[in-house]
N, C-alpha and C. Protein backbone atom coordinates (compact mmCIF):
# COMPACT_ATOMS: atom_id res chain seq x y z
N UNK A 1 -11.48 -34.48 7.87
CA UNK A 1 -12.14 -33.43 8.63
C UNK A 1 -11.15 -32.63 9.47
N UNK A 2 -10.20 -33.32 10.09
CA UNK A 2 -9.21 -32.64 10.91
C UNK A 2 -8.36 -31.69 10.06
N UNK A 3 -8.05 -32.12 8.84
CA UNK A 3 -7.27 -31.27 7.94
C UNK A 3 -8.03 -30.00 7.60
N UNK A 4 -9.35 -30.13 7.33
CA UNK A 4 -10.17 -28.96 7.04
C UNK A 4 -10.19 -28.00 8.23
N UNK A 5 -10.30 -28.54 9.44
CA UNK A 5 -10.30 -27.70 10.64
C UNK A 5 -8.96 -26.99 10.80
N UNK A 6 -7.87 -27.70 10.51
CA UNK A 6 -6.55 -27.09 10.58
C UNK A 6 -6.37 -25.98 9.57
N UNK A 7 -6.88 -26.20 8.35
CA UNK A 7 -6.79 -25.17 7.32
C UNK A 7 -7.66 -23.97 7.66
N UNK A 8 -8.83 -24.24 8.23
CA UNK A 8 -9.70 -23.13 8.65
C UNK A 8 -9.01 -22.32 9.75
N UNK A 9 -8.38 -23.02 10.70
CA UNK A 9 -7.66 -22.33 11.77
C UNK A 9 -6.48 -21.55 11.20
N UNK A 10 -5.75 -22.15 10.26
CA UNK A 10 -4.62 -21.46 9.65
C UNK A 10 -5.06 -20.22 8.87
N UNK A 11 -6.19 -20.34 8.16
CA UNK A 11 -6.71 -19.21 7.39
C UNK A 11 -7.23 -18.12 8.32
N UNK A 12 -7.96 -18.53 9.37
CA UNK A 12 -8.47 -17.55 10.34
C UNK A 12 -7.30 -16.87 11.06
N UNK A 13 -6.24 -17.64 11.34
CA UNK A 13 -5.07 -17.04 11.97
C UNK A 13 -4.44 -15.97 11.09
N UNK A 14 -4.39 -16.24 9.79
CA UNK A 14 -3.87 -15.24 8.86
C UNK A 14 -4.73 -13.97 8.91
N UNK A 15 -6.04 -14.15 8.92
CA UNK A 15 -6.93 -12.98 8.97
C UNK A 15 -6.76 -12.20 10.27
N UNK A 16 -6.58 -12.91 11.37
CA UNK A 16 -6.33 -12.23 12.64
C UNK A 16 -5.00 -11.48 12.59
N UNK A 17 -3.99 -12.10 11.98
CA UNK A 17 -2.70 -11.44 11.83
C UNK A 17 -2.84 -10.14 11.03
N UNK A 18 -3.67 -10.16 10.00
CA UNK A 18 -3.85 -8.95 9.18
C UNK A 18 -4.45 -7.81 9.99
N UNK A 19 -5.14 -8.13 11.07
CA UNK A 19 -5.67 -7.08 11.95
C UNK A 19 -4.57 -6.23 12.56
N UNK A 20 -3.38 -6.76 12.64
CA UNK A 20 -2.25 -5.97 13.16
C UNK A 20 -2.00 -4.74 12.29
N UNK A 21 -2.32 -4.84 11.00
CA UNK A 21 -2.08 -3.71 10.09
C UNK A 21 -2.95 -2.51 10.44
N UNK A 22 -4.05 -2.76 11.17
CA UNK A 22 -4.91 -1.66 11.60
C UNK A 22 -4.29 -0.89 12.77
N UNK A 23 -3.34 -1.52 13.45
CA UNK A 23 -2.71 -0.91 14.62
C UNK A 23 -1.28 -0.43 14.36
N UNK A 24 -0.63 -1.00 13.37
CA UNK A 24 0.79 -0.69 13.10
C UNK A 24 0.90 0.59 12.30
N UNK A 25 1.69 1.51 12.80
CA UNK A 25 1.88 2.81 12.14
C UNK A 25 2.92 2.73 11.04
N UNK A 26 2.77 3.58 10.05
CA UNK A 26 3.79 3.71 8.99
C UNK A 26 4.93 4.54 9.57
N UNK A 27 6.04 3.89 9.81
CA UNK A 27 7.11 4.48 10.61
C UNK A 27 7.94 5.53 9.88
N UNK A 28 7.94 5.55 8.57
CA UNK A 28 8.72 6.55 7.85
C UNK A 28 8.31 7.97 8.17
N UNK A 29 7.03 8.15 8.44
CA UNK A 29 6.53 9.50 8.73
C UNK A 29 7.08 10.03 10.06
N UNK A 30 7.46 9.15 10.98
CA UNK A 30 8.06 9.61 12.24
C UNK A 30 9.35 10.36 11.97
N UNK A 31 10.11 9.93 10.97
CA UNK A 31 11.35 10.62 10.62
C UNK A 31 11.05 12.07 10.23
N UNK A 32 9.91 12.28 9.58
CA UNK A 32 9.51 13.63 9.17
C UNK A 32 8.86 14.42 10.31
N UNK A 33 8.74 13.80 11.50
CA UNK A 33 8.19 14.49 12.65
C UNK A 33 6.69 14.33 12.85
N UNK A 34 6.04 13.51 12.02
CA UNK A 34 4.60 13.29 12.18
C UNK A 34 4.39 12.47 13.44
N UNK A 35 3.65 13.03 14.40
CA UNK A 35 3.51 12.38 15.71
C UNK A 35 2.59 11.16 15.69
N UNK A 36 1.55 11.21 14.92
CA UNK A 36 0.60 10.10 14.88
C UNK A 36 0.29 9.75 13.43
N UNK A 37 1.23 9.06 12.78
CA UNK A 37 1.03 8.77 11.35
C UNK A 37 -0.06 7.73 11.11
N UNK A 38 -0.45 7.64 9.88
CA UNK A 38 -1.46 6.67 9.45
C UNK A 38 -0.99 5.25 9.75
N UNK A 39 -1.93 4.32 9.80
CA UNK A 39 -1.58 2.92 9.95
C UNK A 39 -1.29 2.32 8.58
N UNK A 40 -0.71 1.13 8.60
CA UNK A 40 -0.44 0.42 7.35
C UNK A 40 -1.76 0.09 6.66
N UNK A 41 -2.78 -0.28 7.43
CA UNK A 41 -4.09 -0.61 6.84
C UNK A 41 -4.72 0.62 6.20
N UNK A 42 -4.61 1.77 6.84
CA UNK A 42 -5.15 2.99 6.24
C UNK A 42 -4.45 3.30 4.93
N UNK A 43 -3.16 3.15 4.92
CA UNK A 43 -2.40 3.36 3.68
C UNK A 43 -2.84 2.36 2.61
N UNK A 44 -2.93 1.10 2.96
CA UNK A 44 -3.27 0.06 1.99
C UNK A 44 -4.67 0.23 1.42
N UNK A 45 -5.61 0.68 2.26
CA UNK A 45 -6.96 0.94 1.76
C UNK A 45 -6.93 1.98 0.65
N UNK A 46 -6.25 3.10 0.90
CA UNK A 46 -6.24 4.15 -0.12
C UNK A 46 -5.41 3.76 -1.32
N UNK A 47 -4.35 2.95 -1.13
CA UNK A 47 -3.59 2.44 -2.27
C UNK A 47 -4.50 1.62 -3.17
N UNK A 48 -5.30 0.74 -2.58
CA UNK A 48 -6.22 -0.10 -3.37
C UNK A 48 -7.21 0.77 -4.14
N UNK A 49 -7.75 1.77 -3.48
CA UNK A 49 -8.72 2.66 -4.13
C UNK A 49 -8.06 3.47 -5.24
N UNK A 50 -6.91 4.05 -4.95
CA UNK A 50 -6.19 4.82 -5.96
C UNK A 50 -5.81 3.91 -7.13
N UNK A 51 -5.37 2.70 -6.82
CA UNK A 51 -5.01 1.76 -7.88
C UNK A 51 -6.17 1.48 -8.81
N UNK A 52 -7.35 1.30 -8.25
CA UNK A 52 -8.52 1.03 -9.10
C UNK A 52 -8.83 2.24 -9.98
N UNK A 53 -8.69 3.43 -9.44
CA UNK A 53 -8.92 4.66 -10.21
C UNK A 53 -7.89 4.78 -11.33
N UNK A 54 -6.62 4.58 -11.00
CA UNK A 54 -5.59 4.66 -12.03
C UNK A 54 -5.82 3.63 -13.13
N UNK A 55 -6.21 2.42 -12.73
CA UNK A 55 -6.46 1.37 -13.72
C UNK A 55 -7.60 1.78 -14.65
N UNK A 56 -8.66 2.36 -14.10
CA UNK A 56 -9.76 2.83 -14.94
C UNK A 56 -9.25 3.87 -15.94
N UNK A 57 -8.43 4.78 -15.47
CA UNK A 57 -7.91 5.85 -16.33
C UNK A 57 -6.95 5.32 -17.39
N UNK A 58 -6.22 4.26 -17.05
CA UNK A 58 -5.21 3.70 -17.95
C UNK A 58 -5.75 2.55 -18.81
N UNK A 59 -7.02 2.19 -18.64
CA UNK A 59 -7.59 1.10 -19.42
C UNK A 59 -7.17 -0.27 -18.94
N UNK A 60 -6.81 -0.38 -17.67
CA UNK A 60 -6.40 -1.65 -17.07
C UNK A 60 -7.56 -2.22 -16.24
N UNK A 61 -7.34 -3.36 -15.64
CA UNK A 61 -8.35 -4.03 -14.81
C UNK A 61 -8.34 -3.42 -13.41
N UNK A 62 -9.37 -2.65 -13.05
CA UNK A 62 -9.36 -1.99 -11.74
C UNK A 62 -9.43 -2.96 -10.57
N UNK A 63 -10.16 -4.07 -10.72
CA UNK A 63 -10.26 -5.03 -9.61
C UNK A 63 -8.91 -5.69 -9.34
N UNK A 64 -8.23 -6.08 -10.38
CA UNK A 64 -6.92 -6.72 -10.22
C UNK A 64 -5.93 -5.74 -9.61
N UNK A 65 -5.95 -4.51 -10.08
CA UNK A 65 -5.03 -3.50 -9.57
C UNK A 65 -5.30 -3.22 -8.10
N UNK A 66 -6.57 -3.11 -7.74
CA UNK A 66 -6.92 -2.88 -6.33
C UNK A 66 -6.46 -4.05 -5.47
N UNK A 67 -6.63 -5.27 -5.96
CA UNK A 67 -6.19 -6.45 -5.22
C UNK A 67 -4.68 -6.42 -4.98
N UNK A 68 -3.93 -6.09 -6.00
CA UNK A 68 -2.48 -5.99 -5.86
C UNK A 68 -2.12 -4.94 -4.80
N UNK A 69 -2.77 -3.81 -4.85
CA UNK A 69 -2.50 -2.74 -3.89
C UNK A 69 -2.90 -3.12 -2.47
N UNK A 70 -3.98 -3.85 -2.35
CA UNK A 70 -4.45 -4.26 -1.02
C UNK A 70 -3.45 -5.19 -0.35
N UNK A 71 -2.81 -6.05 -1.11
CA UNK A 71 -1.87 -7.04 -0.57
C UNK A 71 -0.43 -6.54 -0.47
N UNK A 72 -0.12 -5.36 -1.01
CA UNK A 72 1.28 -4.99 -1.19
C UNK A 72 2.08 -4.83 0.10
N UNK A 73 1.46 -4.55 1.21
CA UNK A 73 2.19 -4.37 2.47
C UNK A 73 1.77 -5.36 3.55
N UNK A 74 1.11 -6.44 3.18
CA UNK A 74 0.64 -7.40 4.19
C UNK A 74 1.79 -8.05 4.95
N UNK A 75 2.96 -8.07 4.39
CA UNK A 75 4.11 -8.67 5.04
C UNK A 75 4.58 -7.88 6.25
N UNK A 76 4.13 -6.65 6.37
CA UNK A 76 4.62 -5.78 7.44
C UNK A 76 4.13 -6.19 8.82
N UNK A 77 3.23 -7.18 8.90
CA UNK A 77 2.89 -7.75 10.20
C UNK A 77 4.09 -8.50 10.77
N UNK A 78 4.96 -8.98 9.90
CA UNK A 78 6.11 -9.79 10.33
C UNK A 78 7.42 -9.00 10.32
N UNK A 79 7.60 -8.12 9.36
CA UNK A 79 8.89 -7.42 9.23
C UNK A 79 8.79 -5.93 9.52
N UNK A 80 7.61 -5.46 9.86
CA UNK A 80 7.38 -4.07 10.21
C UNK A 80 7.48 -3.18 8.97
N UNK A 81 7.18 -1.92 9.15
CA UNK A 81 7.31 -0.92 8.10
C UNK A 81 8.69 -0.28 8.27
N UNK A 82 9.64 -0.82 7.57
CA UNK A 82 11.03 -0.37 7.72
C UNK A 82 11.27 0.85 6.84
N UNK A 83 11.62 2.00 7.45
CA UNK A 83 11.91 3.18 6.63
C UNK A 83 13.09 2.90 5.69
N UNK A 84 13.12 3.61 4.58
CA UNK A 84 14.18 3.39 3.59
C UNK A 84 15.57 3.53 4.19
N UNK A 85 15.75 4.46 5.11
CA UNK A 85 17.08 4.62 5.72
C UNK A 85 17.46 3.38 6.51
N UNK A 86 16.48 2.73 7.14
CA UNK A 86 16.73 1.52 7.92
C UNK A 86 17.09 0.32 7.07
N UNK A 87 16.60 0.30 5.84
CA UNK A 87 16.85 -0.83 4.95
C UNK A 87 18.33 -0.97 4.57
N UNK A 88 19.07 0.11 4.76
CA UNK A 88 20.52 0.06 4.47
C UNK A 88 21.23 -0.91 5.40
N UNK A 89 20.65 -1.17 6.57
CA UNK A 89 21.33 -1.92 7.61
C UNK A 89 20.74 -3.31 7.84
N UNK A 90 19.72 -3.66 7.10
CA UNK A 90 19.03 -4.92 7.33
C UNK A 90 19.01 -5.79 6.08
N UNK A 91 19.06 -7.06 6.28
CA UNK A 91 18.84 -8.02 5.22
C UNK A 91 17.52 -8.71 5.53
N UNK A 92 16.45 -8.17 5.02
CA UNK A 92 15.12 -8.70 5.30
C UNK A 92 14.75 -9.78 4.28
N UNK A 93 13.91 -10.68 4.70
CA UNK A 93 13.38 -11.70 3.80
C UNK A 93 12.55 -11.02 2.71
N UNK A 94 12.45 -11.65 1.57
CA UNK A 94 11.64 -11.10 0.48
C UNK A 94 10.17 -11.12 0.87
N UNK A 95 9.40 -10.23 0.29
CA UNK A 95 7.96 -10.22 0.55
C UNK A 95 7.32 -11.54 0.15
N UNK A 96 7.83 -12.16 -0.90
CA UNK A 96 7.29 -13.45 -1.32
C UNK A 96 7.51 -14.51 -0.24
N UNK A 97 8.68 -14.51 0.39
CA UNK A 97 8.96 -15.49 1.45
C UNK A 97 8.09 -15.22 2.67
N UNK A 98 7.95 -13.97 3.05
CA UNK A 98 7.12 -13.63 4.20
C UNK A 98 5.69 -14.08 3.96
N UNK A 99 5.16 -13.79 2.77
CA UNK A 99 3.80 -14.19 2.45
C UNK A 99 3.65 -15.71 2.51
N UNK A 100 4.62 -16.43 1.95
CA UNK A 100 4.56 -17.89 1.99
C UNK A 100 4.48 -18.39 3.43
N UNK A 101 5.24 -17.79 4.33
CA UNK A 101 5.18 -18.17 5.73
C UNK A 101 3.83 -17.79 6.35
N UNK A 102 3.34 -16.60 6.04
CA UNK A 102 2.08 -16.14 6.61
C UNK A 102 0.92 -17.06 6.29
N UNK A 103 0.90 -17.60 5.09
CA UNK A 103 -0.24 -18.42 4.65
C UNK A 103 0.08 -19.91 4.63
N UNK A 104 1.18 -20.31 5.22
CA UNK A 104 1.61 -21.71 5.15
C UNK A 104 0.60 -22.68 5.73
N UNK A 105 -0.18 -22.27 6.71
CA UNK A 105 -1.17 -23.17 7.32
C UNK A 105 -2.59 -22.93 6.80
N UNK A 106 -2.74 -22.03 5.85
CA UNK A 106 -4.06 -21.65 5.34
C UNK A 106 -4.58 -22.67 4.33
N UNK A 107 -5.81 -22.50 3.96
CA UNK A 107 -6.45 -23.31 2.92
C UNK A 107 -5.57 -23.25 1.67
N UNK A 108 -5.42 -24.36 0.95
CA UNK A 108 -4.54 -24.37 -0.24
C UNK A 108 -4.86 -23.29 -1.26
N UNK A 109 -6.13 -23.01 -1.47
CA UNK A 109 -6.49 -21.97 -2.44
C UNK A 109 -6.03 -20.60 -1.96
N UNK A 110 -6.07 -20.38 -0.64
CA UNK A 110 -5.61 -19.12 -0.07
C UNK A 110 -4.09 -19.03 -0.20
N UNK A 111 -3.40 -20.13 0.12
CA UNK A 111 -1.93 -20.15 -0.02
C UNK A 111 -1.53 -19.80 -1.44
N UNK A 112 -2.11 -20.50 -2.40
CA UNK A 112 -1.75 -20.29 -3.80
C UNK A 112 -2.13 -18.88 -4.27
N UNK A 113 -3.31 -18.44 -3.91
CA UNK A 113 -3.77 -17.12 -4.34
C UNK A 113 -2.93 -16.00 -3.77
N UNK A 114 -2.64 -16.06 -2.47
CA UNK A 114 -1.85 -15.02 -1.82
C UNK A 114 -0.44 -14.96 -2.42
N UNK A 115 0.15 -16.11 -2.61
CA UNK A 115 1.50 -16.14 -3.16
C UNK A 115 1.52 -15.62 -4.60
N UNK A 116 0.51 -15.94 -5.37
CA UNK A 116 0.43 -15.46 -6.75
C UNK A 116 0.29 -13.94 -6.79
N UNK A 117 -0.56 -13.39 -5.93
CA UNK A 117 -0.78 -11.94 -5.90
C UNK A 117 0.50 -11.20 -5.54
N UNK A 118 1.17 -11.64 -4.48
CA UNK A 118 2.39 -10.96 -4.03
C UNK A 118 3.52 -11.13 -5.04
N UNK A 119 3.64 -12.33 -5.60
CA UNK A 119 4.66 -12.56 -6.65
C UNK A 119 4.44 -11.61 -7.82
N UNK A 120 3.20 -11.45 -8.24
CA UNK A 120 2.92 -10.56 -9.36
C UNK A 120 3.24 -9.11 -9.00
N UNK A 121 2.82 -8.67 -7.82
CA UNK A 121 3.11 -7.29 -7.41
C UNK A 121 4.61 -7.03 -7.38
N UNK A 122 5.35 -7.98 -6.83
CA UNK A 122 6.80 -7.79 -6.66
C UNK A 122 7.58 -7.93 -7.96
N UNK A 123 7.12 -8.78 -8.88
CA UNK A 123 7.94 -9.12 -10.05
C UNK A 123 7.27 -8.91 -11.40
N UNK A 124 5.99 -8.59 -11.40
CA UNK A 124 5.28 -8.45 -12.66
C UNK A 124 5.56 -7.13 -13.35
N UNK A 125 5.11 -7.05 -14.60
CA UNK A 125 5.30 -5.81 -15.35
C UNK A 125 4.05 -5.44 -16.15
N UNK A 126 2.91 -6.01 -15.77
CA UNK A 126 1.66 -5.70 -16.45
C UNK A 126 1.24 -4.26 -16.12
N UNK A 127 0.30 -3.75 -16.87
CA UNK A 127 -0.20 -2.40 -16.60
C UNK A 127 -0.86 -2.34 -15.22
N UNK A 128 -1.45 -3.44 -14.78
CA UNK A 128 -2.05 -3.47 -13.44
C UNK A 128 -0.98 -3.34 -12.36
N UNK A 129 0.15 -4.01 -12.55
CA UNK A 129 1.25 -3.92 -11.59
C UNK A 129 1.80 -2.49 -11.58
N UNK A 130 1.98 -1.92 -12.75
CA UNK A 130 2.49 -0.54 -12.84
C UNK A 130 1.53 0.42 -12.15
N UNK A 131 0.24 0.25 -12.38
CA UNK A 131 -0.76 1.10 -11.72
C UNK A 131 -0.74 0.90 -10.20
N UNK A 132 -0.57 -0.34 -9.74
CA UNK A 132 -0.53 -0.61 -8.30
C UNK A 132 0.69 0.05 -7.66
N UNK A 133 1.84 -0.02 -8.33
CA UNK A 133 3.04 0.64 -7.81
C UNK A 133 2.86 2.15 -7.82
N UNK A 134 2.28 2.68 -8.88
CA UNK A 134 1.99 4.11 -8.92
C UNK A 134 1.02 4.51 -7.81
N UNK A 135 0.05 3.65 -7.54
CA UNK A 135 -0.91 3.95 -6.49
C UNK A 135 -0.22 4.05 -5.14
N UNK A 136 0.74 3.18 -4.88
CA UNK A 136 1.50 3.23 -3.63
C UNK A 136 2.23 4.57 -3.51
N UNK A 137 2.87 5.00 -4.59
CA UNK A 137 3.60 6.27 -4.57
C UNK A 137 2.65 7.47 -4.51
N UNK A 138 1.56 7.40 -5.26
CA UNK A 138 0.60 8.51 -5.26
C UNK A 138 -0.07 8.65 -3.89
N UNK A 139 -0.34 7.53 -3.24
CA UNK A 139 -0.94 7.60 -1.89
C UNK A 139 0.04 8.27 -0.94
N UNK A 140 1.31 7.94 -1.04
CA UNK A 140 2.32 8.56 -0.19
C UNK A 140 2.39 10.07 -0.46
N UNK A 141 2.32 10.44 -1.72
CA UNK A 141 2.34 11.86 -2.08
C UNK A 141 1.13 12.58 -1.49
N UNK A 142 -0.05 12.00 -1.66
CA UNK A 142 -1.27 12.63 -1.15
C UNK A 142 -1.23 12.72 0.37
N UNK A 143 -0.77 11.64 1.03
CA UNK A 143 -0.65 11.67 2.49
C UNK A 143 0.34 12.75 2.90
N UNK A 144 1.43 12.87 2.16
CA UNK A 144 2.40 13.92 2.45
C UNK A 144 1.81 15.31 2.31
N UNK A 145 1.00 15.51 1.29
CA UNK A 145 0.33 16.80 1.11
C UNK A 145 -0.57 17.09 2.31
N UNK A 146 -1.29 16.08 2.77
CA UNK A 146 -2.16 16.26 3.94
C UNK A 146 -1.35 16.58 5.19
N UNK A 147 -0.23 15.87 5.39
CA UNK A 147 0.61 16.16 6.56
C UNK A 147 1.26 17.54 6.45
N UNK A 148 1.68 17.92 5.25
CA UNK A 148 2.28 19.24 5.06
C UNK A 148 1.27 20.33 5.42
N UNK A 149 0.03 20.10 5.02
CA UNK A 149 -1.04 21.06 5.33
C UNK A 149 -1.26 21.17 6.84
N UNK A 150 -0.95 20.12 7.57
CA UNK A 150 -1.09 20.12 9.03
C UNK A 150 0.14 20.73 9.72
N UNK A 151 1.10 21.18 8.93
CA UNK A 151 2.26 21.86 9.48
C UNK A 151 3.55 21.06 9.53
N UNK A 152 3.54 19.86 9.00
CA UNK A 152 4.76 19.03 8.99
C UNK A 152 5.56 19.31 7.72
N UNK A 153 6.45 20.29 7.79
CA UNK A 153 7.19 20.72 6.60
C UNK A 153 8.23 19.71 6.15
N UNK A 154 8.68 18.82 7.04
CA UNK A 154 9.72 17.86 6.68
C UNK A 154 9.23 16.75 5.74
N UNK A 155 7.96 16.75 5.40
CA UNK A 155 7.44 15.70 4.50
C UNK A 155 7.71 16.02 3.03
N UNK A 156 8.22 17.19 2.73
CA UNK A 156 8.41 17.58 1.33
C UNK A 156 9.28 16.60 0.57
N UNK A 157 10.28 16.04 1.20
CA UNK A 157 11.13 15.05 0.53
C UNK A 157 10.36 13.82 0.09
N UNK A 158 9.40 13.38 0.91
CA UNK A 158 8.55 12.23 0.55
C UNK A 158 7.66 12.58 -0.64
N UNK A 159 7.14 13.80 -0.63
CA UNK A 159 6.29 14.25 -1.73
C UNK A 159 7.10 14.27 -3.03
N UNK A 160 8.27 14.89 -2.99
CA UNK A 160 9.11 15.01 -4.18
C UNK A 160 9.55 13.64 -4.69
N UNK A 161 9.97 12.78 -3.79
CA UNK A 161 10.44 11.44 -4.17
C UNK A 161 9.31 10.63 -4.80
N UNK A 162 8.12 10.71 -4.21
CA UNK A 162 6.97 9.98 -4.74
C UNK A 162 6.62 10.48 -6.14
N UNK A 163 6.62 11.79 -6.32
CA UNK A 163 6.30 12.37 -7.62
C UNK A 163 7.26 11.89 -8.70
N UNK A 164 8.54 11.84 -8.38
CA UNK A 164 9.55 11.42 -9.36
C UNK A 164 9.40 9.96 -9.77
N UNK A 165 8.82 9.13 -8.93
CA UNK A 165 8.73 7.69 -9.20
C UNK A 165 7.48 7.28 -9.97
N UNK A 166 6.55 8.21 -10.18
CA UNK A 166 5.31 7.87 -10.89
C UNK A 166 5.60 7.58 -12.36
N UNK A 167 4.99 6.53 -12.89
CA UNK A 167 5.25 6.11 -14.26
C UNK A 167 4.11 6.41 -15.23
N UNK A 168 2.86 6.26 -14.78
CA UNK A 168 1.74 6.44 -15.71
C UNK A 168 1.37 7.91 -15.83
N UNK A 169 0.87 8.27 -16.99
CA UNK A 169 0.42 9.64 -17.22
C UNK A 169 -0.72 9.99 -16.26
N UNK A 170 -1.58 9.04 -16.00
CA UNK A 170 -2.71 9.29 -15.10
C UNK A 170 -2.25 9.62 -13.69
N UNK A 171 -1.27 8.87 -13.18
CA UNK A 171 -0.76 9.13 -11.83
C UNK A 171 -0.08 10.49 -11.77
N UNK A 172 0.68 10.82 -12.80
CA UNK A 172 1.35 12.11 -12.83
C UNK A 172 0.34 13.25 -12.86
N UNK A 173 -0.72 13.06 -13.65
CA UNK A 173 -1.77 14.08 -13.75
C UNK A 173 -2.48 14.27 -12.40
N UNK A 174 -2.81 13.17 -11.74
CA UNK A 174 -3.49 13.26 -10.45
C UNK A 174 -2.58 13.86 -9.39
N UNK A 175 -1.29 13.53 -9.44
CA UNK A 175 -0.33 14.10 -8.48
C UNK A 175 -0.26 15.61 -8.64
N UNK A 176 -0.14 16.08 -9.87
CA UNK A 176 -0.08 17.53 -10.11
C UNK A 176 -1.34 18.22 -9.60
N UNK A 177 -2.49 17.60 -9.84
CA UNK A 177 -3.74 18.17 -9.34
C UNK A 177 -3.75 18.22 -7.81
N UNK A 178 -3.33 17.12 -7.17
CA UNK A 178 -3.32 17.07 -5.71
C UNK A 178 -2.35 18.08 -5.11
N UNK A 179 -1.26 18.33 -5.80
CA UNK A 179 -0.27 19.28 -5.30
C UNK A 179 -0.77 20.72 -5.37
N UNK A 180 -1.82 20.95 -6.14
CA UNK A 180 -2.32 22.30 -6.33
C UNK A 180 -3.70 22.52 -5.74
N UNK A 181 -4.05 21.71 -4.74
CA UNK A 181 -5.31 21.90 -4.04
C UNK A 181 -5.13 21.62 -2.56
N UNK A 182 -6.12 22.01 -1.79
CA UNK A 182 -6.09 21.68 -0.37
C UNK A 182 -6.81 20.36 -0.17
N UNK A 183 -6.64 19.79 1.01
CA UNK A 183 -7.25 18.49 1.28
C UNK A 183 -8.77 18.57 1.42
N UNK A 184 -9.33 19.75 1.55
CA UNK A 184 -10.79 19.88 1.66
C UNK A 184 -11.41 20.56 0.44
N UNK A 185 -10.59 20.86 -0.55
CA UNK A 185 -11.08 21.56 -1.73
C UNK A 185 -12.13 20.77 -2.50
N UNK A 186 -12.10 19.45 -2.39
CA UNK A 186 -13.06 18.61 -3.09
C UNK A 186 -14.50 18.99 -2.77
N UNK A 187 -14.73 19.57 -1.60
CA UNK A 187 -16.09 19.94 -1.21
C UNK A 187 -16.68 21.04 -2.08
N UNK A 188 -15.83 21.88 -2.64
CA UNK A 188 -16.32 23.00 -3.45
C UNK A 188 -17.09 22.53 -4.67
N UNK A 189 -16.82 21.31 -5.11
CA UNK A 189 -17.53 20.75 -6.25
C UNK A 189 -19.00 20.50 -5.90
N UNK A 190 -19.25 20.23 -4.63
CA UNK A 190 -20.58 19.79 -4.22
C UNK A 190 -21.32 20.78 -3.34
N UNK A 191 -20.61 21.71 -2.74
CA UNK A 191 -21.27 22.68 -1.86
C UNK A 191 -21.34 24.04 -2.56
N UNK A 192 -22.44 24.74 -2.40
CA UNK A 192 -22.56 26.07 -3.03
C UNK A 192 -21.63 27.09 -2.41
């Protein structure tokens, strides 16, 4: 019984830790001058959604792809959202190691499941993994388009870099469409 209580506490602690992602900002956007960038959780939510859409378009498993996207930045509660320029100067632990530490006191099924998901995202090559990685880049591109529309011209490099890294035809197609519309244009489909 004590072991079950410890595992419940360890699992609940992990869930509480994940709440930090709702407060932690994506720091790369500060370099571009964005004063109040999105949080890691906001980014991860749209990555998961985009991933499921890309998987549907590519004939992959949308639930698996969304799950991979949802977990892809969970390690940032421990190592922060380090901008690419900052990574030149740091030797950070692997995402797999951070995840293992995060869930070390959790229920065994949670430990195994979390580690399997992150391992697959980081090292897999399935169509779901490719779609999840594309979703991460496409979300960054779309967020950049939204920030550019708000007057942050320095985000163009993020947009261009994200576009170049897309691998699936579906992600490339959606990126081109997003680059040629405004962030509120979607309403024209539904409003007279």
